[in-house]
Amino acid sequence: MTHTKKEISPAGQAALGVLGLVQAAFAFLAFWDLAHRNAAEVRGPKPLWIPAILVNWIGPASYFLFGIRR
């Protein structure tokens, strides 16, 4: 059985690179907000949000949607 190597086109590589940068920026913004926000404005203990934010896309989105008291 032979396996063929599937290559990603340059446009696909660029799109993946942009998605990676956006995801990293989203996580950075969540960490920055968590670090600068008063503990009374965050639902749950702030240290528990650190590993949650590390979960790609879901973590930062969860923090912004559910972790901040409004």
C-alpha atoms as a PDB file:
ATOM      1  CA  MET A   1       0.000   0.000   0.000  1.00  0.00           C
ATOM      2  CA  THR A   2       1.483   3.342  -0.996  1.00  0.00           C
ATOM      3  CA  HIS A   3       0.699   6.621   0.620  1.00  0.00           C
ATOM      4  CA  THR A   4       0.536   9.814  -1.349  1.00  0.00           C
ATOM      5  CA  LYS A   5       1.743  13.032   0.167  1.00  0.00           C
ATOM      6  CA  LYS A   6      -0.829  15.776  -0.001  1.00  0.00           C
ATOM      7  CA  GLU A   7       0.661  19.219  -0.233  1.00  0.00           C
ATOM      8  CA  ILE A   8      -1.018  22.431   0.742  1.00  0.00           C
ATOM      9  CA  SER A   9      -1.056  25.151  -1.893  1.00  0.00           C
ATOM     10  CA  PRO A  10       0.717  28.445  -1.146  1.00  0.00           C
ATOM     11  CA  ALA A  11      -2.688  30.124  -0.749  1.00  0.00           C
ATOM     12  CA  GLY A  12      -3.721  27.418   1.698  1.00  0.00           C
ATOM     13  CA  GLN A  13      -0.496  27.850   3.637  1.00  0.00           C
ATOM     14  CA  ALA A  14      -1.080  31.596   3.812  1.00  0.00           C
ATOM     15  CA  ALA A  15      -4.650  31.067   5.025  1.00  0.00           C
ATOM     16  CA  LEU A  16      -3.470  28.662   7.730  1.00  0.00           C
ATOM     17  CA  GLY A  17      -0.804  31.150   8.768  1.00  0.00           C
ATOM     18  CA  VAL A  18      -3.366  33.941   9.064  1.00  0.00           C
ATOM     19  CA  LEU A  19      -5.718  31.687  11.068  1.00  0.00           C
ATOM     20  CA  GLY A  20      -2.856  30.796  13.394  1.00  0.00           C
ATOM     21  CA  LEU A  21      -2.005  34.453  13.938  1.00  0.00           C
ATOM     22  CA  VAL A  22      -5.657  35.340  14.598  1.00  0.00           C
ATOM     23  CA  GLN A  23      -5.984  32.493  17.112  1.00  0.00           C
ATOM     24  CA  ALA A  24      -2.770  33.541  18.890  1.00  0.00           C
ATOM     25  CA  ALA A  25      -3.950  37.179  18.999  1.00  0.00           C
ATOM     26  CA  PHE A  26      -7.350  36.082  20.381  1.00  0.00           C
ATOM     27  CA  ALA A  27      -5.640  34.117  23.171  1.00  0.00           C
ATOM     28  CA  PHE A  28      -3.231  37.007  23.864  1.00  0.00           C
ATOM     29  CA  LEU A  29      -6.149  39.433  24.207  1.00  0.00           C
ATOM     30  CA  ALA A  30      -7.935  37.076  26.592  1.00  0.00           C
ATOM     31  CA  PHE A  31      -4.779  36.721  28.741  1.00  0.00           C
ATOM     32  CA  TRP A  32      -4.177  40.473  28.664  1.00  0.00           C
ATOM     33  CA  ASP A  33      -7.770  41.181  29.698  1.00  0.00           C
ATOM     34  CA  LEU A  34      -7.614  38.563  32.463  1.00  0.00           C
ATOM     35  CA  ALA A  35      -4.381  40.022  33.824  1.00  0.00           C
ATOM     36  CA  HIS A  36      -5.718  43.587  33.862  1.00  0.00           C
ATOM     37  CA  ARG A  37      -9.246  42.898  35.056  1.00  0.00           C
ATOM     38  CA  ASN A  38     -10.199  43.083  38.745  1.00  0.00           C
ATOM     39  CA  ALA A  39     -10.913  39.626  40.239  1.00  0.00           C
ATOM     40  CA  ALA A  40     -14.430  40.775  41.218  1.00  0.00           C
ATOM     41  CA  GLU A  41     -15.221  41.269  37.518  1.00  0.00           C
ATOM     42  CA  VAL A  42     -14.280  37.687  36.581  1.00  0.00           C
ATOM     43  CA  ARG A  43     -16.549  34.708  37.117  1.00  0.00           C
ATOM     44  CA  GLY A  44     -14.642  32.066  39.036  1.00  0.00           C
ATOM     45  CA  PRO A  45     -11.036  32.168  40.201  1.00  0.00           C
ATOM     46  CA  LYS A  46      -8.724  33.956  37.772  1.00  0.00           C
ATOM     47  CA  PRO A  47      -6.046  31.192  37.888  1.00  0.00           C
ATOM     48  CA  LEU A  48      -8.574  28.655  36.579  1.00  0.00           C
ATOM     49  CA  TRP A  49      -9.101  30.730  33.433  1.00  0.00           C
ATOM     50  CA  ILE A  50      -5.423  30.411  32.449  1.00  0.00           C
ATOM     51  CA  PRO A  51      -5.568  26.763  31.293  1.00  0.00           C
ATOM     52  CA  ALA A  52      -9.058  27.315  29.869  1.00  0.00           C
ATOM     53  CA  ILE A  53      -7.814  30.132  27.618  1.00  0.00           C
ATOM     54  CA  LEU A  54      -5.108  27.801  26.269  1.00  0.00           C
ATOM     55  CA  VAL A  55      -7.757  25.659  24.552  1.00  0.00           C
ATOM     56  CA  ASN A  56      -7.697  26.834  20.924  1.00  0.00           C
ATOM     57  CA  TRP A  57     -10.564  29.144  19.978  1.00  0.00           C
ATOM     58  CA  ILE A  58     -12.955  27.707  22.586  1.00  0.00           C
ATOM     59  CA  GLY A  59     -10.991  28.943  25.598  1.00  0.00           C
ATOM     60  CA  PRO A  60     -10.684  32.619  24.682  1.00  0.00           C
ATOM     61  CA  ALA A  61     -14.261  32.671  23.362  1.00  0.00           C
ATOM     62  CA  SER A  62     -15.529  31.108  26.605  1.00  0.00           C
ATOM     63  CA  TYR A  63     -13.628  33.666  28.650  1.00  0.00           C
ATOM     64  CA  PHE A  64     -15.060  36.620  26.733  1.00  0.00           C
ATOM     65  CA  LEU A  65     -18.590  35.163  26.645  1.00  0.00           C
ATOM     66  CA  PHE A  66     -18.898  33.653  30.136  1.00  0.00           C
ATOM     67  CA  GLY A  67     -15.897  34.672  32.236  1.00  0.00           C
ATOM     68  CA  ILE A  68     -16.479  38.401  32.478  1.00  0.00           C
ATOM     69  CA  ARG A  69     -19.187  39.768  34.743  1.00  0.00           C
ATOM     70  CA  ARG A  70     -21.244  42.396  33.012  1.00  0.00           C
END
